[in-house]
N, C-alpha and C. Protein backbone atom coordinates (compact mmCIF):
# COMPACT_ATOMS: atom_id res chain seq x y z
N UNK A 1 2.17 -9.49 -52.49
CA UNK A 1 1.25 -10.33 -53.26
C UNK A 1 -0.15 -9.80 -53.07
N UNK A 2 -0.82 -9.55 -54.15
CA UNK A 2 -2.21 -9.12 -54.04
C UNK A 2 -3.11 -10.30 -54.38
N UNK A 3 -4.17 -10.43 -53.63
CA UNK A 3 -5.12 -11.49 -53.87
C UNK A 3 -6.49 -10.87 -54.04
N UNK A 4 -7.36 -11.59 -54.68
CA UNK A 4 -8.73 -11.13 -54.83
C UNK A 4 -9.43 -11.24 -53.48
N UNK A 5 -10.25 -10.26 -53.11
CA UNK A 5 -10.94 -10.32 -51.81
C UNK A 5 -11.86 -11.52 -51.68
N UNK A 6 -12.30 -12.10 -52.80
CA UNK A 6 -13.20 -13.25 -52.73
C UNK A 6 -12.47 -14.58 -52.87
N UNK A 7 -11.15 -14.56 -53.01
CA UNK A 7 -10.39 -15.80 -53.22
C UNK A 7 -9.74 -16.29 -51.92
N UNK A 8 -10.34 -16.01 -50.79
CA UNK A 8 -9.86 -16.50 -49.51
C UNK A 8 -10.73 -17.70 -49.17
N UNK A 9 -10.10 -18.81 -48.80
CA UNK A 9 -10.84 -20.04 -48.53
C UNK A 9 -10.62 -20.49 -47.09
N UNK A 10 -11.62 -21.17 -46.55
CA UNK A 10 -11.46 -21.79 -45.25
C UNK A 10 -10.37 -22.84 -45.36
N UNK A 11 -9.48 -22.88 -44.40
CA UNK A 11 -8.40 -23.86 -44.41
C UNK A 11 -7.12 -23.38 -45.06
N UNK A 12 -7.12 -22.18 -45.66
CA UNK A 12 -5.88 -21.63 -46.23
C UNK A 12 -4.84 -21.47 -45.12
N UNK A 13 -3.60 -21.76 -45.43
CA UNK A 13 -2.48 -21.47 -44.53
C UNK A 13 -1.68 -20.37 -45.19
N UNK A 14 -1.53 -19.24 -44.49
CA UNK A 14 -0.86 -18.08 -45.07
C UNK A 14 0.34 -17.66 -44.22
N UNK A 15 1.29 -17.01 -44.88
CA UNK A 15 2.45 -16.43 -44.21
C UNK A 15 2.19 -14.93 -44.16
N UNK A 16 2.14 -14.36 -42.96
CA UNK A 16 1.85 -12.93 -42.79
C UNK A 16 3.15 -12.13 -42.74
N UNK A 17 3.05 -10.84 -43.08
CA UNK A 17 4.24 -9.97 -43.09
C UNK A 17 4.81 -9.76 -41.69
N UNK A 18 3.96 -9.52 -40.71
CA UNK A 18 4.42 -9.30 -39.34
C UNK A 18 4.23 -10.58 -38.54
N UNK A 19 5.26 -11.01 -37.81
CA UNK A 19 5.09 -12.22 -37.00
C UNK A 19 4.25 -11.95 -35.76
N UNK A 20 3.64 -12.98 -35.25
CA UNK A 20 2.89 -12.93 -34.00
C UNK A 20 3.90 -12.78 -32.86
N UNK A 21 3.52 -12.22 -31.71
CA UNK A 21 4.46 -12.09 -30.59
C UNK A 21 5.12 -13.41 -30.16
N UNK A 22 4.48 -14.55 -30.45
CA UNK A 22 5.08 -15.84 -30.11
C UNK A 22 6.20 -16.21 -31.07
N UNK A 23 6.31 -15.50 -32.18
CA UNK A 23 7.34 -15.77 -33.16
C UNK A 23 6.83 -16.44 -34.42
N UNK A 24 5.60 -16.92 -34.41
CA UNK A 24 5.03 -17.59 -35.57
C UNK A 24 4.51 -16.61 -36.60
N UNK A 25 4.68 -16.94 -37.87
CA UNK A 25 4.18 -16.08 -38.94
C UNK A 25 3.21 -16.84 -39.85
N UNK A 26 2.92 -18.10 -39.54
CA UNK A 26 2.00 -18.89 -40.35
C UNK A 26 0.67 -19.02 -39.63
N UNK A 27 -0.41 -18.78 -40.38
CA UNK A 27 -1.75 -18.76 -39.82
C UNK A 27 -2.69 -19.59 -40.69
N UNK A 28 -3.72 -20.17 -40.07
CA UNK A 28 -4.76 -20.92 -40.78
C UNK A 28 -6.06 -20.10 -40.72
N UNK A 29 -6.75 -19.96 -41.87
CA UNK A 29 -8.02 -19.24 -41.94
C UNK A 29 -9.12 -20.16 -41.42
N UNK A 30 -9.86 -19.70 -40.40
CA UNK A 30 -10.92 -20.52 -39.80
C UNK A 30 -12.29 -19.85 -39.88
N UNK A 31 -12.34 -18.60 -40.31
CA UNK A 31 -13.62 -17.89 -40.39
C UNK A 31 -13.56 -16.88 -41.52
N UNK A 32 -14.63 -16.79 -42.31
CA UNK A 32 -14.72 -15.82 -43.39
C UNK A 32 -15.91 -14.92 -43.16
N UNK A 33 -15.78 -13.70 -43.59
CA UNK A 33 -16.84 -12.71 -43.44
C UNK A 33 -16.22 -11.33 -43.57
N UNK A 34 -16.82 -10.35 -42.93
CA UNK A 34 -16.24 -9.01 -42.91
C UNK A 34 -14.89 -9.05 -42.20
N UNK A 35 -14.81 -9.83 -41.14
CA UNK A 35 -13.55 -10.08 -40.45
C UNK A 35 -13.09 -11.49 -40.80
N UNK A 36 -11.78 -11.66 -40.86
CA UNK A 36 -11.19 -12.96 -41.15
C UNK A 36 -10.68 -13.54 -39.83
N UNK A 37 -11.09 -14.76 -39.52
CA UNK A 37 -10.62 -15.44 -38.32
C UNK A 37 -9.39 -16.27 -38.64
N UNK A 38 -8.35 -16.09 -37.83
CA UNK A 38 -7.08 -16.78 -38.04
C UNK A 38 -6.66 -17.50 -36.77
N UNK A 39 -5.94 -18.60 -36.93
CA UNK A 39 -5.34 -19.33 -35.81
C UNK A 39 -3.85 -19.41 -36.08
N UNK A 40 -3.04 -18.96 -35.11
CA UNK A 40 -1.58 -19.05 -35.22
C UNK A 40 -1.20 -20.53 -35.15
N UNK A 41 -0.38 -20.99 -36.07
CA UNK A 41 0.00 -22.40 -36.10
C UNK A 41 1.09 -22.72 -35.07
N UNK A 42 1.68 -21.69 -34.45
CA UNK A 42 2.71 -21.93 -33.44
C UNK A 42 2.10 -22.06 -32.05
N UNK A 43 1.26 -21.09 -31.66
CA UNK A 43 0.71 -21.09 -30.30
C UNK A 43 -0.79 -21.36 -30.24
N UNK A 44 -1.44 -21.47 -31.41
CA UNK A 44 -2.88 -21.74 -31.53
C UNK A 44 -3.77 -20.62 -30.97
N UNK A 45 -3.27 -19.40 -30.92
CA UNK A 45 -4.07 -18.24 -30.51
C UNK A 45 -4.99 -17.87 -31.66
N UNK A 46 -6.24 -17.49 -31.35
CA UNK A 46 -7.20 -17.10 -32.37
C UNK A 46 -7.32 -15.58 -32.39
N UNK A 47 -7.39 -15.00 -33.59
CA UNK A 47 -7.57 -13.56 -33.75
C UNK A 47 -8.55 -13.30 -34.88
N UNK A 48 -9.18 -12.13 -34.84
CA UNK A 48 -10.03 -11.64 -35.92
C UNK A 48 -9.42 -10.35 -36.44
N UNK A 49 -9.24 -10.26 -37.75
CA UNK A 49 -8.76 -9.00 -38.33
C UNK A 49 -9.66 -8.62 -39.50
N UNK A 50 -9.80 -7.32 -39.76
CA UNK A 50 -10.63 -6.89 -40.89
C UNK A 50 -10.09 -7.43 -42.21
N UNK A 51 -10.99 -7.71 -43.13
CA UNK A 51 -10.63 -8.29 -44.43
C UNK A 51 -9.60 -7.43 -45.17
N UNK A 52 -9.76 -6.12 -45.17
CA UNK A 52 -8.83 -5.24 -45.87
C UNK A 52 -7.42 -5.32 -45.30
N UNK A 53 -7.31 -5.36 -43.99
CA UNK A 53 -6.00 -5.47 -43.34
C UNK A 53 -5.38 -6.84 -43.64
N UNK A 54 -6.21 -7.89 -43.64
CA UNK A 54 -5.72 -9.23 -43.95
C UNK A 54 -5.11 -9.27 -45.35
N UNK A 55 -5.81 -8.70 -46.33
CA UNK A 55 -5.34 -8.73 -47.72
C UNK A 55 -4.00 -8.01 -47.84
N UNK A 56 -3.83 -6.91 -47.11
CA UNK A 56 -2.57 -6.16 -47.17
C UNK A 56 -1.43 -6.90 -46.46
N UNK A 57 -1.74 -7.67 -45.42
CA UNK A 57 -0.70 -8.31 -44.61
C UNK A 57 -0.25 -9.68 -45.11
N UNK A 58 -1.01 -10.31 -46.01
CA UNK A 58 -0.63 -11.64 -46.50
C UNK A 58 0.61 -11.52 -47.37
N UNK A 59 1.63 -12.30 -47.03
CA UNK A 59 2.85 -12.32 -47.82
C UNK A 59 2.80 -13.42 -48.87
N UNK A 60 2.35 -14.62 -48.46
CA UNK A 60 2.23 -15.72 -49.41
C UNK A 60 1.28 -16.78 -48.87
N UNK A 61 0.81 -17.62 -49.79
CA UNK A 61 -0.01 -18.76 -49.41
C UNK A 61 0.90 -19.97 -49.28
N UNK A 62 0.85 -20.64 -48.14
CA UNK A 62 1.64 -21.85 -47.91
C UNK A 62 0.84 -23.06 -48.43
N UNK A 63 -0.46 -23.06 -48.13
CA UNK A 63 -1.33 -24.18 -48.50
C UNK A 63 -2.71 -23.61 -48.76
N UNK A 64 -3.38 -24.11 -49.79
CA UNK A 64 -4.73 -23.64 -50.11
C UNK A 64 -5.76 -24.62 -49.57
N UNK A 65 -6.87 -24.07 -49.08
CA UNK A 65 -7.98 -24.89 -48.62
C UNK A 65 -8.77 -25.40 -49.80
N UNK A 66 -9.79 -26.23 -49.55
CA UNK A 66 -10.61 -26.75 -50.65
C UNK A 66 -11.35 -25.62 -51.37
N UNK A 67 -11.49 -25.77 -52.69
CA UNK A 67 -12.13 -24.73 -53.50
C UNK A 67 -13.61 -24.54 -53.11
N UNK A 68 -14.30 -25.63 -52.86
CA UNK A 68 -15.68 -25.54 -52.42
C UNK A 68 -15.83 -26.30 -51.11
N UNK A 69 -16.58 -25.75 -50.17
CA UNK A 69 -16.78 -26.48 -48.92
C UNK A 69 -17.64 -27.71 -49.15
N UNK A 70 -17.51 -28.73 -48.32
CA UNK A 70 -18.33 -29.93 -48.50
C UNK A 70 -19.82 -29.61 -48.33
N UNK A 71 -20.64 -30.24 -49.13
CA UNK A 71 -22.09 -30.03 -49.04
C UNK A 71 -22.67 -30.81 -47.87
N UNK A 72 -23.64 -30.23 -47.17
CA UNK A 72 -24.24 -30.97 -46.07
C UNK A 72 -25.08 -32.14 -46.59
N UNK A 73 -25.10 -33.20 -45.85
CA UNK A 73 -25.92 -34.36 -46.22
C UNK A 73 -27.14 -34.38 -45.32
N UNK A 74 -28.29 -34.04 -45.89
CA UNK A 74 -29.52 -33.95 -45.09
C UNK A 74 -30.37 -35.11 -45.36
């Protein structure tokens, strides 16, 4: 599955091609930028991987995060 590099959202739950050593293959996106921050949903380990590697490793989207982040109330 190919995705647009700009269509990654905070809160996305993705299924990766290679499983984590704990056995989990589902991850939640918690950070966006040059590196993508992920949390394993099985063991809650946090990792950072480069955006290009993330795009190649995503197998499918399990759940999509909100399209726009909530606006701050000042």
